[in-house]
């Protein structure tokens, strides 16, 4: 089972920008890429860098510390140590699906 949790409002994330939110002791990077929202774990599995501070290009975010890049889209979810959340954008809310 999983549950849907609100993590931010759309206005919280600037267009082509990102934020980091804390949800249940997890840090989640939320990205707004031309009006499409993505949410992934904020901690780079390589050295713990804050992915929410990385540059986004071609659907990937680059870690600001060491340059590793990670797909934002959960459909391109390789086994790379970064969890991708299913985002449900509803009215002004950004919700994610949290696994139990």
C-alpha atoms as a PDB file:
ATOM      1  CA  UNK A   1       0.000   0.000   0.000  1.00  0.00           C
ATOM      2  CA  UNK A   2       0.942   3.607  -0.361  1.00  0.00           C
ATOM      3  CA  UNK A   3      -0.558   6.920   0.596  1.00  0.00           C
ATOM      4  CA  UNK A   4      -0.787  10.361  -0.971  1.00  0.00           C
ATOM      5  CA  UNK A   5       0.841  13.216   0.979  1.00  0.00           C
ATOM      6  CA  UNK A   6       0.930  16.947   0.210  1.00  0.00           C
ATOM      7  CA  UNK A   7       4.528  18.178   0.199  1.00  0.00           C
ATOM      8  CA  UNK A   8       4.215  21.685  -1.269  1.00  0.00           C
ATOM      9  CA  UNK A   9       2.081  24.147  -3.160  1.00  0.00           C
ATOM     10  CA  UNK A  10       2.759  24.818  -6.822  1.00  0.00           C
ATOM     11  CA  UNK A  11       3.598  28.433  -5.977  1.00  0.00           C
ATOM     12  CA  UNK A  12       6.378  27.212  -3.653  1.00  0.00           C
ATOM     13  CA  UNK A  13       8.453  25.924  -6.580  1.00  0.00           C
ATOM     14  CA  UNK A  14       9.468  28.560  -9.123  1.00  0.00           C
ATOM     15  CA  UNK A  15       9.237  27.677 -12.812  1.00  0.00           C
ATOM     16  CA  UNK A  16      12.450  25.851 -13.788  1.00  0.00           C
ATOM     17  CA  UNK A  17      13.496  25.908 -10.141  1.00  0.00           C
ATOM     18  CA  UNK A  18      13.531  23.524  -7.203  1.00  0.00           C
ATOM     19  CA  UNK A  19      13.080  23.310  -3.450  1.00  0.00           C
ATOM     20  CA  UNK A  20      13.852  20.806  -0.739  1.00  0.00           C
ATOM     21  CA  UNK A  21      11.134  19.700   1.669  1.00  0.00           C
ATOM     22  CA  UNK A  22      11.257  17.401   4.663  1.00  0.00           C
ATOM     23  CA  UNK A  23       8.577  14.735   4.881  1.00  0.00           C
ATOM     24  CA  UNK A  24       8.635  12.073   7.577  1.00  0.00           C
ATOM     25  CA  UNK A  25      12.392  12.472   8.185  1.00  0.00           C
ATOM     26  CA  UNK A  26      13.169  12.239   4.453  1.00  0.00           C
ATOM     27  CA  UNK A  27      14.456  15.101   2.338  1.00  0.00           C
ATOM     28  CA  UNK A  28      12.679  15.393  -1.005  1.00  0.00           C
ATOM     29  CA  UNK A  29      13.837  17.554  -3.901  1.00  0.00           C
ATOM     30  CA  UNK A  30      10.893  19.017  -5.816  1.00  0.00           C
ATOM     31  CA  UNK A  31      11.504  20.330  -9.333  1.00  0.00           C
ATOM     32  CA  UNK A  32       9.334  22.436 -11.642  1.00  0.00           C
ATOM     33  CA  UNK A  33      10.487  21.784 -15.206  1.00  0.00           C
ATOM     34  CA  UNK A  34       8.440  24.020 -17.509  1.00  0.00           C
ATOM     35  CA  UNK A  35       5.321  23.437 -15.381  1.00  0.00           C
ATOM     36  CA  UNK A  36       5.817  19.694 -14.845  1.00  0.00           C
ATOM     37  CA  UNK A  37       6.641  18.695 -11.280  1.00  0.00           C
ATOM     38  CA  UNK A  38       9.053  15.936 -10.232  1.00  0.00           C
ATOM     39  CA  UNK A  39      10.078  14.715  -6.787  1.00  0.00           C
ATOM     40  CA  UNK A  40      13.148  12.646  -5.952  1.00  0.00           C
ATOM     41  CA  UNK A  41      15.233  11.958  -2.882  1.00  0.00           C
ATOM     42  CA  UNK A  42      17.368  15.026  -2.226  1.00  0.00           C
ATOM     43  CA  UNK A  43      20.510  13.142  -1.203  1.00  0.00           C
ATOM     44  CA  UNK A  44      22.980  12.069  -3.888  1.00  0.00           C
ATOM     45  CA  UNK A  45      23.931   8.433  -3.223  1.00  0.00           C
ATOM     46  CA  UNK A  46      27.553   9.149  -4.198  1.00  0.00           C
ATOM     47  CA  UNK A  47      28.564  11.740  -1.610  1.00  0.00           C
ATOM     48  CA  UNK A  48      25.353  13.068  -0.061  1.00  0.00           C
ATOM     49  CA  UNK A  49      25.128  16.212  -2.186  1.00  0.00           C
ATOM     50  CA  UNK A  50      21.833  18.165  -2.219  1.00  0.00           C
ATOM     51  CA  UNK A  51      20.198  17.294  -5.544  1.00  0.00           C
ATOM     52  CA  UNK A  52      17.697  20.149  -5.086  1.00  0.00           C
ATOM     53  CA  UNK A  53      20.636  22.516  -5.704  1.00  0.00           C
ATOM     54  CA  UNK A  54      21.652  20.801  -8.944  1.00  0.00           C
ATOM     55  CA  UNK A  55      21.223  21.946 -12.527  1.00  0.00           C
ATOM     56  CA  UNK A  56      18.488  20.291 -14.599  1.00  0.00           C
ATOM     57  CA  UNK A  57      19.114  19.511 -18.268  1.00  0.00           C
ATOM     58  CA  UNK A  58      17.414  17.048 -20.606  1.00  0.00           C
ATOM     59  CA  UNK A  59      15.261  15.536 -17.866  1.00  0.00           C
ATOM     60  CA  UNK A  60      18.189  14.903 -15.508  1.00  0.00           C
ATOM     61  CA  UNK A  61      19.508  16.703 -12.459  1.00  0.00           C
ATOM     62  CA  UNK A  62      23.252  16.984 -11.944  1.00  0.00           C
ATOM     63  CA  UNK A  63      24.613  16.748  -8.398  1.00  0.00           C
ATOM     64  CA  UNK A  64      26.249  20.076  -7.523  1.00  0.00           C
ATOM     65  CA  UNK A  65      29.098  18.357  -5.666  1.00  0.00           C
ATOM     66  CA  UNK A  66      30.450  15.765  -8.085  1.00  0.00           C
ATOM     67  CA  UNK A  67      28.480  16.039 -11.326  1.00  0.00           C
ATOM     68  CA  UNK A  68      26.678  12.707 -11.272  1.00  0.00           C
ATOM     69  CA  UNK A  69      23.314  13.002 -13.024  1.00  0.00           C
ATOM     70  CA  UNK A  70      19.988  11.347 -12.314  1.00  0.00           C
ATOM     71  CA  UNK A  71      16.728  11.095 -14.272  1.00  0.00           C
ATOM     72  CA  UNK A  72      13.853  13.002 -12.697  1.00  0.00           C
ATOM     73  CA  UNK A  73      11.053  10.970 -14.282  1.00  0.00           C
ATOM     74  CA  UNK A  74      10.038   7.874 -12.287  1.00  0.00           C
ATOM     75  CA  UNK A  75       9.495   6.009 -15.568  1.00  0.00           C
ATOM     76  CA  UNK A  76      13.273   6.233 -16.147  1.00  0.00           C
ATOM     77  CA  UNK A  77      14.056   4.890 -12.712  1.00  0.00           C
ATOM     78  CA  UNK A  78      17.320   2.968 -12.863  1.00  0.00           C
ATOM     79  CA  UNK A  79      18.786   1.280  -9.813  1.00  0.00           C
ATOM     80  CA  UNK A  80      21.027   4.239  -8.993  1.00  0.00           C
ATOM     81  CA  UNK A  81      20.191   4.838  -5.341  1.00  0.00           C
ATOM     82  CA  UNK A  82      17.846   7.797  -5.955  1.00  0.00           C
ATOM     83  CA  UNK A  83      14.189   7.290  -5.091  1.00  0.00           C
ATOM     84  CA  UNK A  84      11.702   8.895  -7.469  1.00  0.00           C
ATOM     85  CA  UNK A  85       8.252   9.729  -6.146  1.00  0.00           C
ATOM     86  CA  UNK A  86       5.083   9.614  -8.169  1.00  0.00           C
ATOM     87  CA  UNK A  87       3.818  13.215  -8.226  1.00  0.00           C
ATOM     88  CA  UNK A  88       0.138  14.060  -8.268  1.00  0.00           C
ATOM     89  CA  UNK A  89      -0.354  17.770  -8.971  1.00  0.00           C
ATOM     90  CA  UNK A  90      -3.897  18.640  -7.907  1.00  0.00           C
ATOM     91  CA  UNK A  91      -5.203  22.209  -8.166  1.00  0.00           C
ATOM     92  CA  UNK A  92      -2.526  24.179  -6.281  1.00  0.00           C
ATOM     93  CA  UNK A  93      -1.070  21.222  -4.376  1.00  0.00           C
ATOM     94  CA  UNK A  94       1.931  19.045  -5.102  1.00  0.00           C
ATOM     95  CA  UNK A  95       1.313  15.603  -3.668  1.00  0.00           C
ATOM     96  CA  UNK A  96       3.520  12.529  -3.745  1.00  0.00           C
ATOM     97  CA  UNK A  97       2.824   8.862  -3.317  1.00  0.00           C
ATOM     98  CA  UNK A  98       4.662   7.574  -0.239  1.00  0.00           C
ATOM     99  CA  UNK A  99       5.149   3.808  -0.007  1.00  0.00           C
ATOM    100  CA  UNK A 100       4.282   2.177   3.322  1.00  0.00           C
END
